[in-house]
Structure formats: C-alpha cells, structure tokens
C-alpha atoms as a PDB file:
ATOM      1  CA  MET A   1      29.086  -9.924 -17.566  1.00  0.00           C
ATOM      2  CA  LYS A   2      26.358  -7.575 -17.399  1.00  0.00           C
ATOM      3  CA  ARG A   3      23.302  -7.097 -14.756  1.00  0.00           C
ATOM      4  CA  ILE A   4      19.586  -7.923 -14.750  1.00  0.00           C
ATOM      5  CA  ILE A   5      17.361  -6.531 -12.330  1.00  0.00           C
ATOM      6  CA  VAL A   6      13.852  -8.048 -11.662  1.00  0.00           C
ATOM      7  CA  VAL A   7      11.535  -5.218  -9.901  1.00  0.00           C
ATOM      8  CA  ALA A   8       8.409  -7.078  -8.510  1.00  0.00           C
ATOM      9  CA  LYS A   9       5.959  -5.134  -7.051  1.00  0.00           C
ATOM     10  CA  TYR A  10       3.000  -5.652  -4.507  1.00  0.00           C
ATOM     11  CA  GLU A  11       0.346  -3.362  -3.222  1.00  0.00           C
ATOM     12  CA  ALA A  12      -2.541  -3.377  -0.554  1.00  0.00           C
ATOM     13  CA  TYR A  13      -5.055  -1.120   0.586  1.00  0.00           C
ATOM     14  CA  VAL A  14      -4.685   0.019   4.221  1.00  0.00           C
ATOM     15  CA  PRO A  15      -6.897   2.188   6.505  1.00  0.00           C
ATOM     16  CA  GLU A  16      -5.516   6.186   6.450  1.00  0.00           C
ATOM     17  CA  ASP A  17      -4.710   5.533   9.901  1.00  0.00           C
ATOM     18  CA  MET A  18      -2.407   3.071   9.213  1.00  0.00           C
ATOM     19  CA  SER A  19       1.359   3.647   9.598  1.00  0.00           C
ATOM     20  CA  ILE A  20       4.320   2.497   7.570  1.00  0.00           C
ATOM     21  CA  GLU A  21       6.317   2.069  10.322  1.00  0.00           C
ATOM     22  CA  SER A  22       3.930   0.025  12.049  1.00  0.00           C
ATOM     23  CA  LEU A  23       4.571  -2.889   8.782  1.00  0.00           C
ATOM     24  CA  ILE A  24       7.544  -2.078   7.479  1.00  0.00           C
ATOM     25  CA  GLY A  25       9.235  -4.435  10.373  1.00  0.00           C
ATOM     26  CA  ASN A  26       6.613  -7.049   8.994  1.00  0.00           C
ATOM     27  CA  ILE A  27       6.971  -6.865   5.845  1.00  0.00           C
ATOM     28  CA  GLU A  28      11.196  -7.047   5.750  1.00  0.00           C
ATOM     29  CA  ASP A  29      11.031 -10.164   7.970  1.00  0.00           C
ATOM     30  CA  THR A  30       8.609 -11.692   5.702  1.00  0.00           C
ATOM     31  CA  PHE A  31      10.537 -11.468   2.418  1.00  0.00           C
ATOM     32  CA  GLU A  32      14.158 -11.994   4.163  1.00  0.00           C
ATOM     33  CA  ASN A  33      12.380 -15.580   5.524  1.00  0.00           C
ATOM     34  CA  ASN A  34      10.019 -15.876   2.690  1.00  0.00           C
ATOM     35  CA  MET A  35      11.749 -14.731  -0.290  1.00  0.00           C
ATOM     36  CA  ASN A  36      14.813 -16.624  -1.979  1.00  0.00           C
ATOM     37  CA  ASP A  37      17.228 -16.512  -4.830  1.00  0.00           C
ATOM     38  CA  PHE A  38      15.447 -18.283  -8.059  1.00  0.00           C
ATOM     39  CA  GLY A  39      17.084 -19.353 -11.126  1.00  0.00           C
ATOM     40  CA  VAL A  40      16.008 -19.620 -14.802  1.00  0.00           C
ATOM     41  CA  SER A  41      17.131 -21.174 -17.996  1.00  0.00           C
ATOM     42  CA  SER A  42      18.093 -18.711 -20.733  1.00  0.00           C
ATOM     43  CA  GLU A  43      15.881 -20.516 -23.970  1.00  0.00           C
ATOM     44  CA  GLY A  44      17.773 -21.211 -26.483  1.00  0.00           C
ATOM     45  CA  TYR A  45      20.858 -19.955 -25.258  1.00  0.00           C
ATOM     46  CA  HIS A  46      23.925 -21.250 -27.386  1.00  0.00           C
ATOM     47  CA  ASP A  47      26.227 -22.404 -24.006  1.00  0.00           C
ATOM     48  CA  GLU A  48      24.284 -24.933 -22.449  1.00  0.00           C
ATOM     49  CA  ASP A  49      27.014 -24.900 -19.179  1.00  0.00           C
ATOM     50  CA  LYS A  50      25.606 -20.882 -18.965  1.00  0.00           C
ATOM     51  CA  GLU A  51      22.336 -20.575 -19.679  1.00  0.00           C
ATOM     52  CA  TRP A  52      20.759 -21.384 -16.099  1.00  0.00           C
ATOM     53  CA  VAL A  53      21.036 -18.217 -14.614  1.00  0.00           C
ATOM     54  CA  VAL A  54      20.313 -17.289 -10.985  1.00  0.00           C
ATOM     55  CA  PHE A  55      18.955 -14.371  -9.920  1.00  0.00           C
ATOM     56  CA  ASN A  56      20.052 -13.611  -5.596  1.00  0.00           C
ATOM     57  CA  HIS A  57      17.644 -11.479  -3.519  1.00  0.00           C
ATOM     58  CA  ASP A  58      18.870  -8.235  -3.194  1.00  0.00           C
ATOM     59  CA  SER A  59      16.915  -5.386  -1.360  1.00  0.00           C
ATOM     60  CA  ILE A  60      13.520  -4.862   0.123  1.00  0.00           C
ATOM     61  CA  SER A  61      11.862  -1.178  -0.306  1.00  0.00           C
ATOM     62  CA  VAL A  62       8.568  -0.223   1.677  1.00  0.00           C
ATOM     63  CA  GLY A  63       6.897   3.183   1.125  1.00  0.00           C
ATOM     64  CA  THR A  64       3.332   4.910  -0.169  1.00  0.00           C
ATOM     65  CA  LYS A  65       5.223   6.463  -3.899  1.00  0.00           C
ATOM     66  CA  ALA A  66       7.424   4.636  -6.083  1.00  0.00           C
ATOM     67  CA  VAL A  67       9.238   5.684  -9.185  1.00  0.00           C
ATOM     68  CA  ILE A  68      10.748   2.881 -11.332  1.00  0.00           C
ATOM     69  CA  MET A  69      12.612   3.046 -14.617  1.00  0.00           C
ATOM     70  CA  ILE A  70      13.312  -0.138 -16.172  1.00  0.00           C
ATOM     71  CA  SER A  71      15.591   0.092 -19.333  1.00  0.00           C
ATOM     72  CA  GLU A  72      17.617  -1.942 -21.748  1.00  0.00           C
ATOM     73  CA  ASP A  73      21.027  -0.747 -22.357  1.00  0.00           C
END
C-alpha cells in the first residue's frame, strides 16, 4: 500500500502584537473538535470494493512560515 498525504492551508492576518502562543491552543482544539476523517471514491478504479478511500486526520502545525513539498513518487 502507498500513503497519500493531503495538506490544507489556512491563513489569517493578525495584529503584529498578537502572539502565536495565544492562538495555538484554540486552533488545535478547533481542529481536534471539528476536523473529521473523510472518505472519497477513486473514480474509475477497477475494484469497486476498494474504490472508497478514507483519509484519517493526522496532525496540526501552527506557525508563521511553512515549507511544503508535495511530490508523487
């Protein structure tokens, strides 16, 4: 089996004097309480019993800079 990673990016502009630390706990709680696993079907996959794929909620990162590299092997 191969692993597929889905990255969703959210951003907000906040006052310069607002700290990330003051937001992290609430952001993490919001995602933990509101982000669920989700499933999608693979259009045209040859095995109908396996075409439904479930993506499991994994982790949350909060910061002011991000480096994201997504590639297909």
